[in-house]
Structure formats: C-alpha cells, structure tokens
Amino acid sequence: MARLPNSIGATTPKHVATEMALHILAYNMKRVIAIIGMQELLKAIAALSLWFSAIVMANQRVRSQQSPCKATQTENTKAQPGTAVPKQTD
C-alpha cells in the first residue's frame, strides 16, 4: 500500500491522505464521465449549483429575520455621549 503514496511524493500521513483522496476523486469522476457522459455531468453540476445557491439564500433570509446577536444588543445599549452611564450593582 505504501508504493502508491511513495511514488506520488507523499511523505507524511496528511499528505498521503490528501493525495489518495485526490486520486480517488479523479478515478470516480472518470467513471461518472464514462457512464453518463460529460454533457450530463455538466448539467448535473449546474443543477446542484442552483440548488445549493437556493439553500444558501434561504438560510441568509432566515438569519436576517432572527433577533440580533448579543454583541449587537450590547452595542445598542451603550451610553451615548453626554448621557449618564448606569451604575452596576453586585
């Protein structure tokens, strides 16, 4: 098993894992192209891209409708110049 990683110049386990993942991805892409063809693959990638964009936009809409985070709330409650700052009691 070490012959392939050594032949591609991978020296550490991290490099080996990355290189192997790229080889496996390339192998799987070649299989998909052989089975469905390049045009169908490009259509599928375009459809996935549109689907993913719709999900991201919906997520952004939901986040914008939620209440602001605590950091924003504390900034809004800071005293304005010329106003008294309330004393904190423990």
C-alpha atoms as a PDB file:
ATOM      1  CA  MET A   1       0.000   0.000   0.000  1.00  0.00           C
ATOM      2  CA  ALA A   2       2.928   2.348   0.556  1.00  0.00           C
ATOM      3  CA  ARG A   3       4.148   2.100  -3.044  1.00  0.00           C
ATOM      4  CA  LEU A   4       1.475   4.410  -4.483  1.00  0.00           C
ATOM      5  CA  PRO A   5       1.874   7.217  -1.882  1.00  0.00           C
ATOM      6  CA  ASN A   6       5.679   6.978  -2.198  1.00  0.00           C
ATOM      7  CA  SER A   7       5.502   7.083  -5.988  1.00  0.00           C
ATOM      8  CA  ILE A   8       3.439  10.297  -5.921  1.00  0.00           C
ATOM      9  CA  GLY A   9       5.806  12.016  -3.484  1.00  0.00           C
ATOM     10  CA  ALA A  10       3.653  11.940  -0.350  1.00  0.00           C
ATOM     11  CA  THR A  11       5.860  11.991   2.735  1.00  0.00           C
ATOM     12  CA  THR A  12       3.570  12.421   5.757  1.00  0.00           C
ATOM     13  CA  PRO A  13       0.252  10.771   6.659  1.00  0.00           C
ATOM     14  CA  LYS A  14      -1.543  14.072   5.983  1.00  0.00           C
ATOM     15  CA  HIS A  15      -0.016  14.292   2.502  1.00  0.00           C
ATOM     16  CA  VAL A  16      -0.792  10.649   1.843  1.00  0.00           C
ATOM     17  CA  ALA A  17      -4.456  11.131   2.815  1.00  0.00           C
ATOM     18  CA  THR A  18      -4.787  14.226   0.634  1.00  0.00           C
ATOM     19  CA  GLU A  19      -3.108  12.635  -2.368  1.00  0.00           C
ATOM     20  CA  MET A  20      -5.172   9.466  -2.045  1.00  0.00           C
ATOM     21  CA  ALA A  21      -8.396  11.488  -1.785  1.00  0.00           C
ATOM     22  CA  LEU A  22      -7.499  13.341  -4.990  1.00  0.00           C
ATOM     23  CA  HIS A  23      -6.697  10.084  -6.791  1.00  0.00           C
ATOM     24  CA  ILE A  24      -9.981   8.549  -5.679  1.00  0.00           C
ATOM     25  CA  LEU A  25     -11.898  11.649  -6.763  1.00  0.00           C
ATOM     26  CA  ALA A  26     -10.236  11.555 -10.189  1.00  0.00           C
ATOM     27  CA  TYR A  27     -10.998   7.841 -10.541  1.00  0.00           C
ATOM     28  CA  ASN A  28     -14.667   8.377  -9.623  1.00  0.00           C
ATOM     29  CA  MET A  29     -15.001  11.349 -11.987  1.00  0.00           C
ATOM     30  CA  LYS A  30     -13.599   9.256 -14.843  1.00  0.00           C
ATOM     31  CA  ARG A  31     -16.158   6.541 -14.064  1.00  0.00           C
ATOM     32  CA  VAL A  32     -19.045   9.030 -13.993  1.00  0.00           C
ATOM     33  CA  ILE A  33     -17.952  10.511 -17.327  1.00  0.00           C
ATOM     34  CA  ALA A  34     -17.720   7.015 -18.829  1.00  0.00           C
ATOM     35  CA  ILE A  35     -21.206   6.104 -17.557  1.00  0.00           C
ATOM     36  CA  ILE A  36     -23.271   9.263 -18.175  1.00  0.00           C
ATOM     37  CA  GLY A  37     -21.024  11.392 -20.388  1.00  0.00           C
ATOM     38  CA  MET A  38     -19.528  14.833 -19.961  1.00  0.00           C
ATOM     39  CA  GLN A  39     -22.635  16.809 -21.030  1.00  0.00           C
ATOM     40  CA  GLU A  40     -24.863  15.065 -18.467  1.00  0.00           C
ATOM     41  CA  LEU A  41     -22.244  15.555 -15.767  1.00  0.00           C
ATOM     42  CA  LEU A  42     -22.074  19.281 -16.514  1.00  0.00           C
ATOM     43  CA  LYS A  43     -25.889  19.518 -16.390  1.00  0.00           C
ATOM     44  CA  ALA A  44     -25.918  17.750 -13.019  1.00  0.00           C
ATOM     45  CA  ILE A  45     -23.224  20.060 -11.634  1.00  0.00           C
ATOM     46  CA  ALA A  46     -25.176  23.117 -12.832  1.00  0.00           C
ATOM     47  CA  ALA A  47     -28.379  21.805 -11.211  1.00  0.00           C
ATOM     48  CA  LEU A  48     -26.552  21.151  -7.941  1.00  0.00           C
ATOM     49  CA  SER A  49     -25.065  24.638  -8.071  1.00  0.00           C
ATOM     50  CA  LEU A  50     -28.515  26.228  -8.427  1.00  0.00           C
ATOM     51  CA  TRP A  51     -29.912  24.022  -5.652  1.00  0.00           C
ATOM     52  CA  PHE A  52     -27.038  24.900  -3.314  1.00  0.00           C
ATOM     53  CA  SER A  53     -27.408  28.630  -4.062  1.00  0.00           C
ATOM     54  CA  ALA A  54     -31.123  28.450  -3.214  1.00  0.00           C
ATOM     55  CA  ILE A  55     -30.341  26.818   0.132  1.00  0.00           C
ATOM     56  CA  VAL A  56     -27.715  29.443   0.983  1.00  0.00           C
ATOM     57  CA  MET A  57     -30.087  32.290   0.108  1.00  0.00           C
ATOM     58  CA  ALA A  58     -32.903  30.764   2.178  1.00  0.00           C
ATOM     59  CA  ASN A  59     -30.520  30.366   5.118  1.00  0.00           C
ATOM     60  CA  GLN A  60     -29.471  34.019   4.831  1.00  0.00           C
ATOM     61  CA  ARG A  61     -33.133  35.106   4.812  1.00  0.00           C
ATOM     62  CA  VAL A  62     -33.835  33.101   7.957  1.00  0.00           C
ATOM     63  CA  ARG A  63     -30.794  34.536   9.710  1.00  0.00           C
ATOM     64  CA  SER A  64     -31.746  38.100   8.809  1.00  0.00           C
ATOM     65  CA  GLN A  65     -35.218  37.590  10.305  1.00  0.00           C
ATOM     66  CA  GLN A  66     -33.852  36.303  13.629  1.00  0.00           C
ATOM     67  CA  SER A  67     -33.150  38.636  16.540  1.00  0.00           C
ATOM     68  CA  PRO A  68     -29.728  40.277  16.559  1.00  0.00           C
ATOM     69  CA  CYS A  69     -26.903  38.609  18.431  1.00  0.00           C
ATOM     70  CA  LYS A  70     -25.863  39.599  21.958  1.00  0.00           C
ATOM     71  CA  ALA A  71     -22.887  41.606  20.676  1.00  0.00           C
ATOM     72  CA  THR A  72     -25.205  43.828  18.677  1.00  0.00           C
ATOM     73  CA  GLN A  73     -27.568  44.193  21.651  1.00  0.00           C
ATOM     74  CA  THR A  74     -24.756  45.299  23.959  1.00  0.00           C
ATOM     75  CA  GLU A  75     -23.563  47.829  21.382  1.00  0.00           C
ATOM     76  CA  ASN A  76     -27.080  49.250  21.138  1.00  0.00           C
ATOM     77  CA  THR A  77     -27.326  49.618  24.918  1.00  0.00           C
ATOM     78  CA  LYS A  78     -24.052  51.510  25.332  1.00  0.00           C
ATOM     79  CA  ALA A  79     -24.418  55.019  26.653  1.00  0.00           C
ATOM     80  CA  GLN A  80     -24.433  57.794  24.112  1.00  0.00           C
ATOM     81  CA  PRO A  81     -22.039  60.742  24.602  1.00  0.00           C
ATOM     82  CA  GLY A  82     -23.400  63.190  27.129  1.00  0.00           C
ATOM     83  CA  THR A  83     -25.652  60.671  28.904  1.00  0.00           C
ATOM     84  CA  ALA A  84     -25.179  59.101  32.304  1.00  0.00           C
ATOM     85  CA  VAL A  85     -23.910  55.529  32.487  1.00  0.00           C
ATOM     86  CA  PRO A  86     -25.962  53.384  34.882  1.00  0.00           C
ATOM     87  CA  LYS A  87     -24.039  52.045  37.874  1.00  0.00           C
ATOM     88  CA  GLN A  88     -23.652  48.301  38.151  1.00  0.00           C
ATOM     89  CA  THR A  89     -24.548  46.754  41.489  1.00  0.00           C
ATOM     90  CA  ASP A  90     -23.264  43.352  42.559  1.00  0.00           C
END
